[in-house]
All heavy atoms as atom14 arrays in JSON, in Angstrom:
{
  "sequence": "EHAFADLEAKHEEVTMLIEDDEQFNEEERYIEQCQETFLRLKID",
  "atom14_mask": [
    [1, 1, 1, 1, 1, 1, 1, 1, 1, 0, 0, 0, 0, 0],
    [1, 1, 1, 1, 1, 1, 1, 1, 1, 1, 0, 0, 0, 0],
    [1, 1, 1, 1, 1, 0, 0, 0, 0, 0, 0, 0, 0, 0],
    [1, 1, 1, 1, 1, 1, 1, 1, 1, 1, 1, 0, 0, 0],
    [1, 1, 1, 1, 1, 0, 0, 0, 0, 0, 0, 0, 0, 0],
    [1, 1, 1, 1, 1, 1, 1, 1, 0, 0, 0, 0, 0, 0],
    [1, 1, 1, 1, 1, 1, 1, 1, 0, 0, 0, 0, 0, 0],
    [1, 1, 1, 1, 1, 1, 1, 1, 1, 0, 0, 0, 0, 0],
    [1, 1, 1, 1, 1, 0, 0, 0, 0, 0, 0, 0, 0, 0],
    [1, 1, 1, 1, 1, 1, 1, 1, 1, 0, 0, 0, 0, 0],
    [1, 1, 1, 1, 1, 1, 1, 1, 1, 1, 0, 0, 0, 0],
    [1, 1, 1, 1, 1, 1, 1, 1, 1, 0, 0, 0, 0, 0],
    [1, 1, 1, 1, 1, 1, 1, 1, 1, 0, 0, 0, 0, 0],
    [1, 1, 1, 1, 1, 1, 1, 0, 0, 0, 0, 0, 0, 0],
    [1, 1, 1, 1, 1, 1, 1, 0, 0, 0, 0, 0, 0, 0],
    [1, 1, 1, 1, 1, 1, 1, 1, 0, 0, 0, 0, 0, 0],
    [1, 1, 1, 1, 1, 1, 1, 1, 0, 0, 0, 0, 0, 0],
    [1, 1, 1, 1, 1, 1, 1, 1, 0, 0, 0, 0, 0, 0],
    [1, 1, 1, 1, 1, 1, 1, 1, 1, 0, 0, 0, 0, 0],
    [1, 1, 1, 1, 1, 1, 1, 1, 0, 0, 0, 0, 0, 0],
    [1, 1, 1, 1, 1, 1, 1, 1, 0, 0, 0, 0, 0, 0],
    [1, 1, 1, 1, 1, 1, 1, 1, 1, 0, 0, 0, 0, 0],
    [1, 1, 1, 1, 1, 1, 1, 1, 1, 0, 0, 0, 0, 0],
    [1, 1, 1, 1, 1, 1, 1, 1, 1, 1, 1, 0, 0, 0],
    [1, 1, 1, 1, 1, 1, 1, 1, 0, 0, 0, 0, 0, 0],
    [1, 1, 1, 1, 1, 1, 1, 1, 1, 0, 0, 0, 0, 0],
    [1, 1, 1, 1, 1, 1, 1, 1, 1, 0, 0, 0, 0, 0],
    [1, 1, 1, 1, 1, 1, 1, 1, 1, 0, 0, 0, 0, 0],
    [1, 1, 1, 1, 1, 1, 1, 1, 1, 1, 1, 0, 0, 0],
    [1, 1, 1, 1, 1, 1, 1, 1, 1, 1, 1, 1, 0, 0],
    [1, 1, 1, 1, 1, 1, 1, 1, 0, 0, 0, 0, 0, 0],
    [1, 1, 1, 1, 1, 1, 1, 1, 1, 0, 0, 0, 0, 0],
    [1, 1, 1, 1, 1, 1, 1, 1, 1, 0, 0, 0, 0, 0],
    [1, 1, 1, 1, 1, 1, 0, 0, 0, 0, 0, 0, 0, 0],
    [1, 1, 1, 1, 1, 1, 1, 1, 1, 0, 0, 0, 0, 0],
    [1, 1, 1, 1, 1, 1, 1, 1, 1, 0, 0, 0, 0, 0],
    [1, 1, 1, 1, 1, 1, 1, 0, 0, 0, 0, 0, 0, 0],
    [1, 1, 1, 1, 1, 1, 1, 1, 1, 1, 1, 0, 0, 0],
    [1, 1, 1, 1, 1, 1, 1, 1, 0, 0, 0, 0, 0, 0],
    [1, 1, 1, 1, 1, 1, 1, 1, 1, 1, 1, 0, 0, 0],
    [1, 1, 1, 1, 1, 1, 1, 1, 0, 0, 0, 0, 0, 0],
    [1, 1, 1, 1, 1, 1, 1, 1, 1, 0, 0, 0, 0, 0],
    [1, 1, 1, 1, 1, 1, 1, 1, 0, 0, 0, 0, 0, 0],
    [1, 1, 1, 1, 1, 1, 1, 1, 0, 0, 0, 0, 0, 0]
  ],
  "atom14_positions": [
    [[0.83, -1.21, 0.0], [0.0, 0.0, 0.0], [0.86, 1.26, 0.0], [0.53, 2.25, -0.68], [-0.93, -0.01, 1.22], [-2.01, -1.08, 1.14], [-2.86, -1.14, 2.4], [-2.34, -0.76, 3.48], [-4.03, -1.56, 2.32], [0.0, 0.0, 0.0], [0.0, 0.0, 0.0], [0.0, 0.0, 0.0], [0.0, 0.0, 0.0], [0.0, 0.0, 0.0]],
    [[1.95, 1.23, 0.75], [2.86, 2.39, 0.74], [3.47, 2.59, -0.66], [3.63, 3.74, -1.11], [3.98, 2.18, 1.76], [3.51, 2.25, 3.18], [2.6, 3.18, 3.61], [3.84, 1.51, 4.28], [2.37, 3.02, 4.9], [3.11, 2.01, 5.33], [0.0, 0.0, 0.0], [0.0, 0.0, 0.0], [0.0, 0.0, 0.0], [0.0, 0.0, 0.0]],
    [[3.8, 1.49, -1.32], [4.39, 1.59, -2.66], [3.4, 2.17, -3.65], [3.78, 2.95, -4.54], [4.86, 0.2, -3.11], [0.0, 0.0, 0.0], [0.0, 0.0, 0.0], [0.0, 0.0, 0.0], [0.0, 0.0, 0.0], [0.0, 0.0, 0.0], [0.0, 0.0, 0.0], [0.0, 0.0, 0.0], [0.0, 0.0, 0.0], [0.0, 0.0, 0.0]],
    [[2.12, 1.8, -3.51], [1.12, 2.35, -4.44], [0.91, 3.84, -4.18], [0.74, 4.63, -5.12], [-0.2, 1.6, -4.31], [-1.24, 2.09, -5.27], [-1.16, 1.79, -6.62], [-2.3, 2.88, -4.83], [-2.12, 2.25, -7.52], [-3.26, 3.34, -5.72], [-3.17, 3.03, -7.07], [0.0, 0.0, 0.0], [0.0, 0.0, 0.0], [0.0, 0.0, 0.0]],
    [[0.92, 4.23, -2.9], [0.79, 5.65, -2.58], [1.96, 6.44, -3.16], [1.79, 7.56, -3.68], [0.72, 5.84, -1.06], [0.0, 0.0, 0.0], [0.0, 0.0, 0.0], [0.0, 0.0, 0.0], [0.0, 0.0, 0.0], [0.0, 0.0, 0.0], [0.0, 0.0, 0.0], [0.0, 0.0, 0.0], [0.0, 0.0, 0.0], [0.0, 0.0, 0.0]],
    [[3.16, 5.86, -3.11], [4.34, 6.5, -3.68], [4.21, 6.6, -5.2], [4.59, 7.62, -5.81], [5.59, 5.71, -3.31], [6.86, 6.34, -3.86], [7.18, 7.47, -3.44], [7.52, 5.7, -4.72], [0.0, 0.0, 0.0], [0.0, 0.0, 0.0], [0.0, 0.0, 0.0], [0.0, 0.0, 0.0], [0.0, 0.0, 0.0], [0.0, 0.0, 0.0]],
    [[3.65, 5.55, -5.83], [3.45, 5.57, -7.29], [2.46, 6.66, -7.68], [2.67, 7.38, -8.68], [2.95, 4.21, -7.77], [2.61, 4.1, -9.25], [3.83, 4.37, -10.12], [2.01, 2.73, -9.57], [0.0, 0.0, 0.0], [0.0, 0.0, 0.0], [0.0, 0.0, 0.0], [0.0, 0.0, 0.0], [0.0, 0.0, 0.0], [0.0, 0.0, 0.0]],
    [[1.39, 6.81, -6.89], [0.42, 7.87, -7.19], [1.06, 9.25, -7.1], [0.77, 10.14, -7.93], [-0.76, 7.77, -6.21], [-1.72, 6.63, -6.5], [-2.93, 6.67, -5.61], [-2.75, 6.8, -4.37], [-4.06, 6.55, -6.12], [0.0, 0.0, 0.0], [0.0, 0.0, 0.0], [0.0, 0.0, 0.0], [0.0, 0.0, 0.0], [0.0, 0.0, 0.0]],
    [[1.92, 9.45, -6.1], [2.59, 10.75, -5.96], [3.49, 11.04, -7.16], [3.52, 12.17, -7.69], [3.4, 10.77, -4.67], [0.0, 0.0, 0.0], [0.0, 0.0, 0.0], [0.0, 0.0, 0.0], [0.0, 0.0, 0.0], [0.0, 0.0, 0.0], [0.0, 0.0, 0.0], [0.0, 0.0, 0.0], [0.0, 0.0, 0.0], [0.0, 0.0, 0.0]],
    [[4.21, 10.0, -7.62], [5.08, 10.19, -8.79], [4.27, 10.38, -10.06], [4.7, 11.1, -10.98], [6.01, 8.99, -8.92], [7.04, 8.92, -7.79], [7.88, 7.66, -7.86], [8.93, 7.67, -6.74], [9.73, 6.45, -6.69], [0.0, 0.0, 0.0], [0.0, 0.0, 0.0], [0.0, 0.0, 0.0], [0.0, 0.0, 0.0], [0.0, 0.0, 0.0]],
    [[3.09, 9.76, -10.11], [2.22, 9.97, -11.27], [1.73, 11.42, -11.31], [1.63, 12.02, -12.4], [1.03, 9.0, -11.2], [0.0, 9.25, -12.27], [0.2, 8.92, -13.59], [-1.24, 9.84, -12.2], [-0.86, 9.25, -14.3], [-1.75, 9.82, -13.48], [0.0, 0.0, 0.0], [0.0, 0.0, 0.0], [0.0, 0.0, 0.0], [0.0, 0.0, 0.0]],
    [[1.44, 11.99, -10.15], [1.02, 13.4, -10.1], [2.12, 14.31, -10.63], [1.85, 15.31, -11.3], [0.67, 13.78, -8.65], [-0.58, 13.12, -8.11], [-1.83, 13.56, -8.84], [-1.86, 14.71, -9.33], [-2.78, 12.77, -8.92], [0.0, 0.0, 0.0], [0.0, 0.0, 0.0], [0.0, 0.0, 0.0], [0.0, 0.0, 0.0], [0.0, 0.0, 0.0]],
    [[3.37, 13.98, -10.35], [4.48, 14.79, -10.86], [4.53, 14.75, -12.39], [4.86, 15.74, -13.03], [5.8, 14.28, -10.28], [5.93, 14.47, -8.77], [7.24, 13.91, -8.24], [8.08, 13.5, -9.08], [7.45, 13.9, -7.02], [0.0, 0.0, 0.0], [0.0, 0.0, 0.0], [0.0, 0.0, 0.0], [0.0, 0.0, 0.0], [0.0, 0.0, 0.0]],
    [[4.18, 13.57, -12.94], [4.17, 13.45, -14.41], [3.05, 14.28, -15.01], [3.26, 15.06, -15.96], [4.04, 11.97, -14.82], [3.84, 11.85, -16.34], [5.26, 11.18, -14.39], [0.0, 0.0, 0.0], [0.0, 0.0, 0.0], [0.0, 0.0, 0.0], [0.0, 0.0, 0.0], [0.0, 0.0, 0.0], [0.0, 0.0, 0.0], [0.0, 0.0, 0.0]],
    [[1.85, 14.12, -14.46], [0.69, 14.82, -15.06], [0.76, 16.33, -14.89], [0.16, 17.07, -15.68], [-0.61, 14.3, -14.42], [-0.56, 14.44, -12.99], [-0.83, 12.83, -14.76], [0.0, 0.0, 0.0], [0.0, 0.0, 0.0], [0.0, 0.0, 0.0], [0.0, 0.0, 0.0], [0.0, 0.0, 0.0], [0.0, 0.0, 0.0], [0.0, 0.0, 0.0]],
    [[1.49, 16.8, -13.87], [1.64, 18.25, -13.7], [2.41, 18.88, -14.85], [2.31, 20.09, -15.1], [2.35, 18.54, -12.38], [1.49, 18.3, -11.15], [0.12, 19.46, -11.01], [1.01, 20.97, -10.67], [0.0, 0.0, 0.0], [0.0, 0.0, 0.0], [0.0, 0.0, 0.0], [0.0, 0.0, 0.0], [0.0, 0.0, 0.0], [0.0, 0.0, 0.0]],
    [[3.2, 18.09, -15.56], [4.01, 18.6, -16.67], [3.34, 18.42, -18.02], [3.95, 18.7, -19.06], [5.37, 17.88, -16.67], [6.22, 18.07, -15.4], [7.45, 17.17, -15.47], [6.63, 19.53, -15.23], [0.0, 0.0, 0.0], [0.0, 0.0, 0.0], [0.0, 0.0, 0.0], [0.0, 0.0, 0.0], [0.0, 0.0, 0.0], [0.0, 0.0, 0.0]],
    [[2.08, 17.92, -18.03], [1.37, 17.66, -19.29], [0.35, 18.77, -19.54], [-0.46, 19.09, -18.67], [0.67, 16.29, -19.24], [1.7, 15.17, -19.06], [-0.13, 16.06, -20.51], [1.09, 13.8, -18.91], [0.0, 0.0, 0.0], [0.0, 0.0, 0.0], [0.0, 0.0, 0.0], [0.0, 0.0, 0.0], [0.0, 0.0, 0.0], [0.0, 0.0, 0.0]],
    [[0.38, 19.34, -20.73], [-0.6, 20.35, -21.13], [-1.63, 19.81, -22.09], [-2.77, 20.25, -22.11], [0.12, 21.55, -21.76], [1.06, 22.28, -20.81], [1.77, 23.44, -21.47], [1.51, 23.66, -22.69], [2.55, 24.14, -20.8], [0.0, 0.0, 0.0], [0.0, 0.0, 0.0], [0.0, 0.0, 0.0], [0.0, 0.0, 0.0], [0.0, 0.0, 0.0]],
    [[-1.25, 18.83, -22.87], [-2.15, 18.26, -23.88], [-3.16, 17.33, -23.21], [-2.8, 16.42, -22.46], [-1.33, 17.5, -24.91], [-2.2, 16.97, -26.03], [-2.71, 17.77, -26.82], [-2.38, 15.73, -26.07], [0.0, 0.0, 0.0], [0.0, 0.0, 0.0], [0.0, 0.0, 0.0], [0.0, 0.0, 0.0], [0.0, 0.0, 0.0], [0.0, 0.0, 0.0]],
    [[-4.46, 17.54, -23.48], [-5.53, 16.75, -22.85], [-5.48, 15.28, -23.27], [-5.7, 14.38, -22.45], [-6.89, 17.33, -23.22], [-7.13, 18.68, -22.56], [-6.43, 18.97, -21.56], [-8.01, 19.43, -23.04], [0.0, 0.0, 0.0], [0.0, 0.0, 0.0], [0.0, 0.0, 0.0], [0.0, 0.0, 0.0], [0.0, 0.0, 0.0], [0.0, 0.0, 0.0]],
    [[-5.19, 15.03, -24.53], [-5.16, 13.65, -25.01], [-4.03, 12.87, -24.34], [-4.2, 11.72, -23.92], [-4.97, 13.63, -26.52], [-5.01, 12.23, -27.11], [-4.92, 12.24, -28.63], [-4.99, 13.34, -29.22], [-4.77, 11.14, -29.2], [0.0, 0.0, 0.0], [0.0, 0.0, 0.0], [0.0, 0.0, 0.0], [0.0, 0.0, 0.0], [0.0, 0.0, 0.0]],
    [[-2.88, 13.49, -24.22], [-1.76, 12.84, -23.53], [-2.06, 12.63, -22.04], [-1.71, 11.61, -21.45], [-0.49, 13.67, -23.7], [0.75, 12.97, -23.17], [2.01, 13.8, -23.38], [1.96, 14.94, -23.83], [3.16, 13.23, -23.06], [0.0, 0.0, 0.0], [0.0, 0.0, 0.0], [0.0, 0.0, 0.0], [0.0, 0.0, 0.0], [0.0, 0.0, 0.0]],
    [[-2.76, 13.62, -21.46], [-3.13, 13.5, -20.06], [-4.07, 12.3, -19.85], [-3.89, 11.52, -18.9], [-3.82, 14.79, -19.6], [-4.31, 14.74, -18.19], [-3.46, 15.03, -17.14], [-5.63, 14.4, -17.9], [-3.92, 14.99, -15.82], [-6.09, 14.35, -16.6], [-5.23, 14.64, -15.55], [0.0, 0.0, 0.0], [0.0, 0.0, 0.0], [0.0, 0.0, 0.0]],
    [[-5.05, 12.14, -20.72], [-5.99, 11.01, -20.61], [-5.27, 9.67, -20.78], [-5.61, 8.68, -20.12], [-7.09, 11.14, -21.66], [-8.01, 12.31, -21.38], [-8.18, 12.72, -20.23], [-8.61, 12.88, -22.43], [0.0, 0.0, 0.0], [0.0, 0.0, 0.0], [0.0, 0.0, 0.0], [0.0, 0.0, 0.0], [0.0, 0.0, 0.0], [0.0, 0.0, 0.0]],
    [[-4.27, 9.65, -21.63], [-3.49, 8.42, -21.83], [-2.74, 8.05, -20.55], [-2.7, 6.88, -20.15], [-2.51, 8.62, -22.99], [-1.68, 7.37, -23.28], [-0.71, 7.59, -24.42], [-0.82, 8.62, -25.12], [0.17, 6.71, -24.62], [0.0, 0.0, 0.0], [0.0, 0.0, 0.0], [0.0, 0.0, 0.0], [0.0, 0.0, 0.0], [0.0, 0.0, 0.0]],
    [[-2.15, 9.04, -19.89], [-1.44, 8.77, -18.64], [-2.4, 8.34, -17.52], [-2.04, 7.53, -16.67], [-0.65, 10.01, -18.21], [0.44, 10.44, -19.18], [1.5, 9.38, -19.35], [1.68, 8.53, -18.44], [2.18, 9.38, -20.41], [0.0, 0.0, 0.0], [0.0, 0.0, 0.0], [0.0, 0.0, 0.0], [0.0, 0.0, 0.0], [0.0, 0.0, 0.0]],
    [[-3.62, 8.88, -17.55], [-4.62, 8.49, -16.55], [-5.05, 7.03, -16.73], [-5.29, 6.31, -15.76], [-5.84, 9.41, -16.64], [-5.64, 10.77, -16.0], [-5.33, 10.65, -14.52], [-6.17, 10.13, -13.75], [-4.22, 11.08, -14.11], [0.0, 0.0, 0.0], [0.0, 0.0, 0.0], [0.0, 0.0, 0.0], [0.0, 0.0, 0.0], [0.0, 0.0, 0.0]],
    [[-5.15, 6.61, -18.0], [-5.48, 5.2, -18.24], [-4.38, 4.29, -17.7], [-4.66, 3.19, -17.19], [-5.7, 4.96, -19.74], [-7.01, 5.52, -20.26], [-7.31, 5.01, -21.66], [-6.37, 5.54, -22.65], [-6.54, 6.68, -23.31], [-7.63, 7.42, -23.1], [-5.67, 7.09, -24.2], [0.0, 0.0, 0.0], [0.0, 0.0, 0.0], [0.0, 0.0, 0.0]],
    [[-3.17, 4.75, -17.77], [-2.03, 3.98, -17.25], [-2.16, 3.77, -15.73], [-2.03, 2.65, -15.22], [-0.72, 4.72, -17.57], [0.5, 4.18, -16.84], [1.2, 3.08, -17.34], [0.94, 4.78, -15.66], [2.31, 2.59, -16.66], [2.05, 4.3, -14.98], [2.73, 3.2, -15.48], [3.83, 2.72, -14.82], [0.0, 0.0, 0.0], [0.0, 0.0, 0.0]],
    [[-2.45, 4.86, -15.0], [-2.53, 4.74, -13.53], [-3.79, 3.96, -13.12], [-3.82, 3.28, -12.08], [-2.5, 6.14, -12.87], [-2.2, 6.0, -11.36], [-3.81, 6.86, -13.09], [-0.85, 5.42, -11.05], [0.0, 0.0, 0.0], [0.0, 0.0, 0.0], [0.0, 0.0, 0.0], [0.0, 0.0, 0.0], [0.0, 0.0, 0.0], [0.0, 0.0, 0.0]],
    [[-4.85, 4.04, -13.94], [-6.06, 3.28, -13.64], [-5.8, 1.77, -13.75], [-6.32, 0.98, -12.94], [-7.19, 3.68, -14.58], [-7.78, 5.06, -14.26], [-8.8, 5.5, -15.29], [-9.05, 4.73, -16.25], [-9.33, 6.62, -15.16], [0.0, 0.0, 0.0], [0.0, 0.0, 0.0], [0.0, 0.0, 0.0], [0.0, 0.0, 0.0], [0.0, 0.0, 0.0]],
    [[-5.02, 1.36, -14.71], [-4.65, -0.05, -14.82], [-3.82, -0.5, -13.62], [-4.02, -1.59, -13.08], [-3.88, -0.28, -16.13], [-4.72, -0.11, -17.39], [-3.9, -0.25, -18.66], [-2.66, -0.39, -18.6], [-4.57, -0.21, -19.81], [0.0, 0.0, 0.0], [0.0, 0.0, 0.0], [0.0, 0.0, 0.0], [0.0, 0.0, 0.0], [0.0, 0.0, 0.0]],
    [[-2.89, 0.37, -13.23], [-2.09, 0.05, -12.04], [-2.97, -0.07, -10.8], [-2.79, -0.95, -9.95], [-1.02, 1.13, -11.81], [0.22, 1.24, -13.12], [0.0, 0.0, 0.0], [0.0, 0.0, 0.0], [0.0, 0.0, 0.0], [0.0, 0.0, 0.0], [0.0, 0.0, 0.0], [0.0, 0.0, 0.0], [0.0, 0.0, 0.0], [0.0, 0.0, 0.0]],
    [[-3.94, 0.82, -10.68], [-4.85, 0.81, -9.54], [-5.71, -0.44, -9.51], [-5.94, -1.04, -8.44], [-5.74, 2.06, -9.57], [-6.63, 2.19, -8.35], [-7.52, 3.42, -8.45], [-8.13, 3.68, -9.48], [-7.59, 4.19, -7.37], [0.0, 0.0, 0.0], [0.0, 0.0, 0.0], [0.0, 0.0, 0.0], [0.0, 0.0, 0.0], [0.0, 0.0, 0.0]],
    [[-6.19, -0.87, -10.66], [-7.02, -2.08, -10.72], [-6.22, -3.3, -10.27], [-6.71, -4.12, -9.48], [-7.54, -2.29, -12.14], [-8.43, -3.5, -12.28], [-8.97, -3.67, -13.69], [-8.71, -2.78, -14.54], [-9.63, -4.69, -13.95], [0.0, 0.0, 0.0], [0.0, 0.0, 0.0], [0.0, 0.0, 0.0], [0.0, 0.0, 0.0], [0.0, 0.0, 0.0]],
    [[-4.99, -3.42, -10.75], [-4.13, -4.53, -10.32], [-3.87, -4.48, -8.82], [-3.91, -5.5, -8.13], [-2.8, -4.5, -11.08], [-3.04, -4.55, -12.49], [-1.91, -5.67, -10.69], [0.0, 0.0, 0.0], [0.0, 0.0, 0.0], [0.0, 0.0, 0.0], [0.0, 0.0, 0.0], [0.0, 0.0, 0.0], [0.0, 0.0, 0.0], [0.0, 0.0, 0.0]],
    [[-3.61, -3.28, -8.34], [-3.35, -3.09, -6.9], [-4.56, -3.51, -6.06], [-4.42, -4.24, -5.07], [-3.0, -1.63, -6.65], [-3.09, -1.22, -5.21], [-2.1, -1.57, -4.31], [-4.17, -0.47, -4.75], [-2.18, -1.2, -2.97], [-4.26, -0.09, -3.42], [-3.27, -0.46, -2.53], [0.0, 0.0, 0.0], [0.0, 0.0, 0.0], [0.0, 0.0, 0.0]],
    [[-5.75, -3.07, -6.44], [-6.95, -3.35, -5.65], [-7.29, -4.84, -5.65], [-7.71, -5.4, -4.62], [-8.14, -2.54, -6.19], [-8.06, -1.02, -5.96], [-9.23, -0.33, -6.63], [-8.04, -0.71, -4.47], [0.0, 0.0, 0.0], [0.0, 0.0, 0.0], [0.0, 0.0, 0.0], [0.0, 0.0, 0.0], [0.0, 0.0, 0.0], [0.0, 0.0, 0.0]],
    [[-7.12, -5.5, -6.78], [-7.41, -6.94, -6.85], [-6.52, -7.73, -5.9], [-6.99, -8.6, -5.16], [-7.24, -7.45, -8.28], [-8.32, -6.98, -9.24], [-8.11, -7.57, -10.62], [-9.11, -7.1, -11.56], [-10.33, -7.64, -11.71], [-10.66, -8.66, -10.95], [-11.17, -7.16, -12.59], [0.0, 0.0, 0.0], [0.0, 0.0, 0.0], [0.0, 0.0, 0.0]],
    [[-5.24, -7.42, -5.91], [-4.31, -8.15, -5.04], [-4.53, -7.78, -3.58], [-4.42, -8.64, -2.69], [-2.87, -7.84, -5.45], [-1.78, -8.64, -4.72], [-2.06, -10.14, -4.8], [-0.42, -8.33, -5.32], [0.0, 0.0, 0.0], [0.0, 0.0, 0.0], [0.0, 0.0, 0.0], [0.0, 0.0, 0.0], [0.0, 0.0, 0.0], [0.0, 0.0, 0.0]],
    [[-4.88, -6.54, -3.32], [-5.17, -6.12, -1.95], [-6.37, -6.88, -1.39], [-6.36, -7.36, -0.23], [-5.44, -4.61, -1.91], [-5.79, -4.1, -0.51], [-6.06, -2.6, -0.54], [-6.46, -2.11, 0.86], [-6.74, -0.65, 0.87], [0.0, 0.0, 0.0], [0.0, 0.0, 0.0], [0.0, 0.0, 0.0], [0.0, 0.0, 0.0], [0.0, 0.0, 0.0]],
    [[-7.42, -7.03, -2.2], [-8.61, -7.77, -1.77], [-8.27, -9.23, -1.51], [-8.72, -9.83, -0.52], [-9.73, -7.64, -2.82], [-10.24, -6.2, -2.85], [-10.86, -8.61, -2.53], [-11.21, -5.92, -3.99], [0.0, 0.0, 0.0], [0.0, 0.0, 0.0], [0.0, 0.0, 0.0], [0.0, 0.0, 0.0], [0.0, 0.0, 0.0], [0.0, 0.0, 0.0]],
    [[-7.46, -9.83, -2.39], [-7.05, -11.23, -2.2], [-6.3, -11.39, -0.87], [-6.51, -12.36, -0.14], [-6.17, -11.69, -3.36], [-6.96, -11.86, -4.64], [-8.2, -11.93, -4.56], [-6.34, -11.89, -5.72], [0.0, 0.0, 0.0], [0.0, 0.0, 0.0], [0.0, 0.0, 0.0], [0.0, 0.0, 0.0], [0.0, 0.0, 0.0], [0.0, 0.0, 0.0]]
  ]
}
């Protein structure tokens, strides 16, 4: 859980440097996939 929180913080640093909406949405899909994997294993 600490590692995922750290990943989210680093993802915020990436998205803060993005101005293009399409690129921003692409990066959000990336973190959503990571979150889904994280939640499934956490529940298990």
